[in-house]
Protein backbone atom coordinates (compact mmCIF):
# COMPACT_ATOMS: atom_id res chain seq x y z
CA MET A 1 86.62 90.47 101.64
CA SER A 2 85.38 90.88 98.11
CA GLN A 3 86.77 89.40 95.26
CA PRO A 4 88.45 91.03 91.85
CA SER A 5 86.04 91.60 89.60
CA ALA A 6 86.58 88.94 86.25
CA ASP A 7 89.18 91.69 84.76
CA GLY A 8 91.39 91.44 87.61
CA SER A 9 90.58 94.84 89.10
CA PRO A 10 89.19 95.41 93.12
CA PRO A 11 85.85 95.98 93.27
CA TYR A 12 84.50 99.18 94.40
CA PRO A 13 84.63 100.48 97.95
CA ASP A 14 80.96 99.28 98.81
CA HIS A 15 81.86 95.82 97.28
CA THR A 16 80.25 95.79 94.19
CA PRO A 17 82.04 94.31 91.62
CA ARG A 18 83.49 96.56 88.74
CA PRO A 19 81.71 96.23 85.41
CA PRO A 20 83.95 93.93 83.22
CA GLY A 21 86.94 95.57 80.88
CA GLY A 22 84.92 98.88 81.94
CA PRO A 23 87.61 101.51 82.93
CA ALA A 24 88.08 102.36 86.71
CA VAL A 25 85.69 104.99 88.28
CA ASN A 26 86.43 107.44 90.92
CA LEU A 27 83.65 107.23 93.66
CA GLY A 28 85.22 110.06 95.81
CA VAL A 29 84.97 114.02 95.70
CA GLN A 30 88.54 115.68 95.45
CA GLN A 31 89.00 119.55 95.88
CA TYR A 32 92.02 121.09 95.83
CA GLY A 33 92.54 124.51 97.38
CA GLY A 34 89.29 127.38 98.01
CA HIS A 35 86.34 127.04 99.85
CA SER A 36 83.15 124.73 99.37
CA GLN A 37 79.49 124.87 100.81
CA VAL A 38 77.94 121.12 100.00
CA GLY A 39 74.45 120.64 100.34
CA ASN A 40 73.05 117.49 99.13
CA GLN A 41 75.23 115.27 97.27
CA ALA A 42 75.38 111.70 96.60
CA VAL A 43 78.37 109.76 94.73
CA GLY A 44 78.77 106.23 93.63
CA PRO A 45 76.12 103.67 92.22
CA GLY A 46 72.46 103.97 93.36
CA ALA A 47 73.97 107.08 95.55
CA ARG A 48 70.82 109.41 96.18
CA ALA A 49 70.39 113.20 97.51
CA VAL A 50 67.16 113.93 98.82
CA ALA A 51 66.67 117.75 99.60
CA GLY A 52 64.24 119.27 102.20
CA ARG A 53 63.03 122.91 102.45
CA ILE A 54 66.02 124.76 102.49
CA GLY A 55 65.95 128.07 104.56
CA PHE A 56 67.21 131.05 106.05
CA GLN A 57 66.74 131.91 109.59
CA ALA A 58 66.87 135.90 111.18
CA LEU A 59 70.35 136.60 111.94
CA ALA A 60 71.31 136.30 115.54
CA PRO A 61 71.80 139.41 117.37
CA GLU A 62 75.61 139.83 117.23
CA GLN A 63 75.46 138.24 113.36
CA ARG A 64 73.09 141.03 112.55
CA GLU A 65 75.27 143.33 114.59
CA ARG A 66 78.14 142.36 112.65
CA ALA A 67 76.22 142.70 109.18
CA ALA A 68 75.19 146.38 109.74
CA GLU A 69 78.67 146.87 110.60
CA LEU A 70 79.80 145.40 107.65
CA MET A 71 77.55 147.22 105.42
CA GLU A 72 78.14 150.43 106.75
CA LEU A 73 81.84 149.81 105.96
CA ILE A 74 80.79 148.64 102.71
CA GLU A 75 78.61 151.93 101.91
CA LEU A 76 81.82 153.32 102.75
CA LEU A 77 84.31 151.62 100.63
CA LEU A 78 81.60 152.29 97.74
CA GLU A 79 82.19 156.03 98.11
CA ARG A 80 85.34 156.26 98.55
CA HIS A 81 86.15 154.05 95.59
CA ARG A 82 83.52 155.19 93.30
CA ALA A 83 86.20 156.24 90.25
CA GLU A 84 87.64 152.53 90.67
CA LEU A 85 84.31 151.02 89.71
CA PRO A 86 82.78 150.81 86.12
CA ASP A 87 79.74 150.87 87.70
CA GLN A 88 78.55 153.12 90.62
CA ARG A 89 75.00 152.43 90.86
CA THR A 90 74.65 148.83 90.87
CA PRO A 91 76.30 147.78 93.92
CA ARG A 92 74.32 150.06 96.03
CA VAL A 93 71.04 148.93 94.60
CA GLU A 94 72.04 145.05 95.61
CA LEU A 95 73.55 146.34 99.15
CA ARG A 96 70.36 147.57 99.55
CA ARG A 97 68.31 144.85 98.50
CA LEU A 98 70.39 142.48 100.74
CA ARG A 99 69.81 144.95 103.58
CA GLU A 100 66.16 145.02 102.93
CA GLU A 101 65.97 141.43 103.07
CA LEU A 102 67.26 140.70 106.08
CA ASP A 103 65.78 142.87 108.13
CA GLU A 104 62.73 140.47 107.35
CA GLY A 105 61.51 138.14 109.46
CA ALA A 106 62.35 134.89 107.33
CA PRO A 107 64.89 136.06 104.30
CA GLU A 108 64.37 134.49 101.10
CA PRO A 109 67.45 132.17 100.62
CA GLY A 110 67.29 133.31 96.82
CA VAL A 111 67.51 136.86 97.39
CA VAL A 112 69.91 137.35 99.90
CA ARG A 113 72.21 134.36 97.44
CA ARG A 114 71.76 136.61 94.50
CA ALA A 115 72.35 140.18 96.01
CA LEU A 116 75.77 138.41 97.72
CA GLU A 117 76.59 137.43 94.52
CA ARG A 118 76.03 139.99 92.41
CA LEU A 119 77.29 142.59 95.11
CA THR A 120 80.52 140.29 94.85
CA ALA A 121 80.93 140.32 90.98
CA PHE A 122 80.68 144.42 91.02
CA VAL A 123 83.00 144.74 93.68
CA GLN A 124 86.05 142.64 92.66
CA PRO A 125 88.17 145.62 91.33
CA VAL A 126 88.37 147.03 94.30
CA ALA A 127 90.43 144.73 96.61
CA PRO A 128 88.86 146.70 99.69
CA LEU A 129 85.62 146.35 98.81
CA ALA A 130 86.12 142.70 97.98
CA ALA A 131 87.59 141.79 101.17
CA ALA A 132 84.47 143.63 102.92
CA VAL A 133 81.58 141.87 101.17
CA GLY A 134 83.41 138.61 101.59
CA GLU A 135 83.86 138.89 105.09
CA LEU A 136 79.44 139.70 104.78
CA SER A 137 78.95 136.84 102.85
CA GLN A 138 80.25 134.70 105.46
CA VAL A 139 78.43 136.52 108.11
CA VAL A 140 75.25 136.45 106.30
CA GLN A 141 75.69 132.31 105.03
CA SER A 142 76.66 131.28 108.56
CA PHE A 143 73.30 131.78 110.18
């Protein structure tokens, strides 16, 4: 067991002493609610995070089928709710871009991510569209 630091405070969890007179430092990560996808992350003194190449793989057949169903639903909902959307053209462009990218043998992660983010932002005013795009995001990001 480590000794307390000079000021009497307990040592950090990795047993390194706290700097004298320094404030207590939270070396943990806290999240309340929501959804989190964390890639390379490092926390604490001397921590390092090393990233390799990040890529998307082609969708498995059942994922491809579900993604196609959701994209058809989104197209239908875009038509049904077009009066509620401030921009009718851009969501269709992003959906087309996403479909084309997912049809590639090795989709580019940045293109997929940006298309999903933009599509999500454009359909936010319409709850059924936002829900369908959210589900599509989960299917696409799960591979």
